[in-house]
Protein backbone atom coordinates (compact mmCIF):
# COMPACT_ATOMS: atom_id res chain seq x y z
CA UNK A 1 -0.02 0.02 -0.01
CA UNK A 2 1.45 3.40 -0.87
CA UNK A 3 1.44 6.17 1.66
CA UNK A 4 -1.30 7.96 -0.24
CA UNK A 5 -3.62 5.06 0.47
CA UNK A 6 -3.27 5.39 4.25
CA UNK A 7 -5.74 7.62 6.11
CA UNK A 8 -3.93 10.65 7.47
CA UNK A 9 -4.71 11.50 11.08
CA UNK A 10 -5.46 15.09 12.12
CA UNK A 11 -2.58 16.90 13.72
CA UNK A 12 -2.81 16.88 17.56
CA UNK A 13 -3.42 20.43 18.89
CA UNK A 14 -0.66 20.24 21.56
CA UNK A 15 2.05 18.77 19.31
CA UNK A 16 4.23 21.89 19.58
CA UNK A 17 3.38 22.71 23.19
CA UNK A 18 6.30 23.27 25.57
CA UNK A 19 5.33 20.09 27.59
CA UNK A 20 5.35 17.77 24.57
CA UNK A 21 9.10 17.22 24.34
CA UNK A 22 9.64 16.56 28.03
CA UNK A 23 6.83 13.97 27.94
CA UNK A 24 8.30 12.25 24.88
CA UNK A 25 11.75 12.32 26.60
CA UNK A 26 10.37 10.76 29.79
CA UNK A 27 8.56 8.05 27.92
CA UNK A 28 11.69 7.30 25.87
CA UNK A 29 13.81 7.03 29.02
CA UNK A 30 11.35 4.60 30.60
CA UNK A 31 11.15 2.51 27.38
CA UNK A 32 14.98 2.43 27.14
CA UNK A 33 15.36 1.27 30.71
CA UNK A 34 12.79 -1.47 30.32
CA UNK A 35 14.11 -2.51 26.92
CA UNK A 36 17.68 -2.87 28.32
CA UNK A 37 16.49 -4.81 31.38
CA UNK A 38 14.51 -7.25 29.30
CA UNK A 39 16.62 -7.51 26.20
CA UNK A 40 13.81 -6.03 24.20
CA UNK A 41 11.20 -8.59 25.30
CA UNK A 42 9.27 -5.63 26.79
CA UNK A 43 9.45 -2.38 24.87
CA UNK A 44 10.58 -4.12 21.71
CA UNK A 45 7.30 -3.63 19.82
CA UNK A 46 5.05 -0.60 19.31
CA UNK A 47 1.69 0.01 17.65
CA UNK A 48 0.96 -2.15 14.64
CA UNK A 49 3.52 -4.57 16.10
CA UNK A 50 6.29 -2.36 14.72
CA UNK A 51 9.73 -3.45 15.95
CA UNK A 52 11.71 -1.16 18.27
CA UNK A 53 15.52 -0.77 18.59
CA UNK A 54 17.68 1.42 20.75
CA UNK A 55 20.11 3.76 19.00
CA UNK A 56 22.94 5.40 20.90
CA UNK A 57 24.52 8.50 19.44
CA UNK A 58 27.18 10.77 20.88
CA UNK A 59 25.84 14.15 22.02
CA UNK A 60 27.11 16.72 19.62
CA UNK A 61 27.67 19.26 22.41
CA UNK A 62 28.19 17.13 25.48
CA UNK A 63 30.08 14.24 23.86
CA UNK A 64 27.99 11.91 26.20
CA UNK A 65 26.16 8.80 24.92
CA UNK A 66 22.44 9.45 24.18
CA UNK A 67 20.08 6.55 23.70
CA UNK A 68 16.65 6.69 22.04
CA UNK A 69 14.12 3.94 21.24
CA UNK A 70 13.13 3.96 17.54
CA UNK A 71 11.03 1.95 15.17
CA UNK A 72 13.11 0.29 12.51
CA UNK A 73 12.91 -1.75 9.36
CA UNK A 74 15.54 -4.20 8.04
CA UNK A 75 16.67 -3.64 4.43
CA UNK A 76 19.19 -6.35 3.69
CA UNK A 77 22.26 -5.77 5.93
CA UNK A 78 21.02 -2.28 6.67
CA UNK A 79 18.69 -1.10 9.38
CA UNK A 80 16.40 1.81 8.44
CA UNK A 81 14.74 4.34 10.79
CA UNK A 82 12.86 7.60 10.45
CA UNK A 83 13.68 10.93 12.16
CA UNK A 84 9.98 11.81 12.55
CA UNK A 85 9.78 12.74 16.19
CA UNK A 86 6.03 12.45 15.91
CA UNK A 87 5.82 15.12 13.24
CA UNK A 88 7.08 18.04 15.32
CA UNK A 89 8.62 20.98 13.56
CA UNK A 90 12.22 20.33 14.34
CA UNK A 91 14.56 17.33 13.67
CA UNK A 92 14.97 15.11 16.78
CA UNK A 93 18.17 15.53 18.80
CA UNK A 94 19.26 12.04 18.06
CA UNK A 95 19.25 12.80 14.34
CA UNK A 96 21.22 16.01 14.77
CA UNK A 97 23.75 14.01 16.86
CA UNK A 98 24.28 11.37 14.18
CA UNK A 99 24.66 14.03 11.49
CA UNK A 100 27.53 15.40 13.60
CA UNK A 101 28.97 11.92 14.28
CA UNK A 102 27.56 9.08 12.19
CA UNK A 103 29.15 6.37 14.30
CA UNK A 104 26.36 4.89 16.37
CA UNK A 105 25.45 1.79 18.34
CA UNK A 106 22.14 -0.02 17.96
CA UNK A 107 20.53 -2.63 20.17
CA UNK A 108 17.94 -4.99 18.66
CA UNK A 109 16.68 -7.36 21.29
CA UNK A 110 19.79 -8.30 23.23
CA UNK A 111 22.19 -7.87 20.24
CA UNK A 112 24.35 -4.75 20.25
CA UNK A 113 26.10 -3.59 17.04
CA UNK A 114 28.12 -0.64 15.84
CA UNK A 115 26.71 1.02 12.75
CA UNK A 116 27.47 3.96 10.57
CA UNK A 117 24.53 6.25 9.88
CA UNK A 118 23.64 8.32 6.92
CA UNK A 119 20.59 10.07 5.59
CA UNK A 120 18.94 8.34 2.67
CA UNK A 121 19.22 10.22 -0.63
CA UNK A 122 16.09 11.13 -2.56
CA UNK A 123 16.00 7.91 -4.59
CA UNK A 124 16.61 5.72 -1.58
CA UNK A 125 13.88 7.53 0.41
CA UNK A 126 11.41 7.22 -2.48
CA UNK A 127 12.02 3.46 -2.44
CA UNK A 128 11.98 2.98 1.31
CA UNK A 129 9.22 5.32 2.36
CA UNK A 130 6.29 3.19 1.15
CA UNK A 131 7.69 0.18 3.09
CA UNK A 132 8.12 2.29 6.22
CA UNK A 133 4.56 3.65 5.98
CA UNK A 134 3.23 0.11 5.35
CA UNK A 135 4.64 -1.15 8.57
CA UNK A 136 3.85 2.05 10.58
CA UNK A 137 1.10 4.06 8.84
CA UNK A 138 1.44 7.06 11.13
CA UNK A 139 4.72 8.04 9.44
CA UNK A 140 2.51 9.40 6.59
CA UNK A 141 0.50 11.48 9.09
CA UNK A 142 3.71 12.70 10.76
CA UNK A 143 5.02 14.00 7.41
CA UNK A 144 1.72 15.73 6.75
CA UNK A 145 1.95 17.56 10.15
CA UNK A 146 5.31 19.30 9.48
CA UNK A 147 6.86 21.46 6.79
CA UNK A 148 10.29 19.76 7.19
CA UNK A 149 11.26 16.82 5.03
CA UNK A 150 11.37 13.96 7.54
CA UNK A 151 14.68 12.21 7.06
CA UNK A 152 15.02 8.45 6.54
CA UNK A 153 18.19 7.14 8.09
CA UNK A 154 20.21 4.12 6.86
CA UNK A 155 22.37 2.39 9.44
CA UNK A 156 25.03 0.43 7.66
CA UNK A 157 27.18 -2.31 9.20
CA UNK A 158 30.50 -1.35 10.70
């Protein structure tokens, strides 16, 4: 199914409210803690049974490790994720961190791997986007809620 065939949800009224980011951050921290404690048995799936991984980037200002739970899709040896941040107006911090330093670590279940991140080019995004929307239809809504082009990130081995 192409993303044009998915029903777009209306934009939530409080999406850009000052309390939205702290709530998302708190929920992410809880999910990360539970995911790590259970090797992804709890916190490893989200709506529509979409798989969740943990990505750890290096803070571009602090230099400290920053971990975020994200939905992902496998594409051969690559892992693909979306810098949607629920359709808010700014790119998520994890994305800005990996643009500054593309060397990341991901955890899928209890497996931890080093990866190199890059933003998909236009052709790659055109190919990957329908698959991403098929497994998590809300990505299409998120894109409709923001003026920014939501990046698709390809995490390559090594």
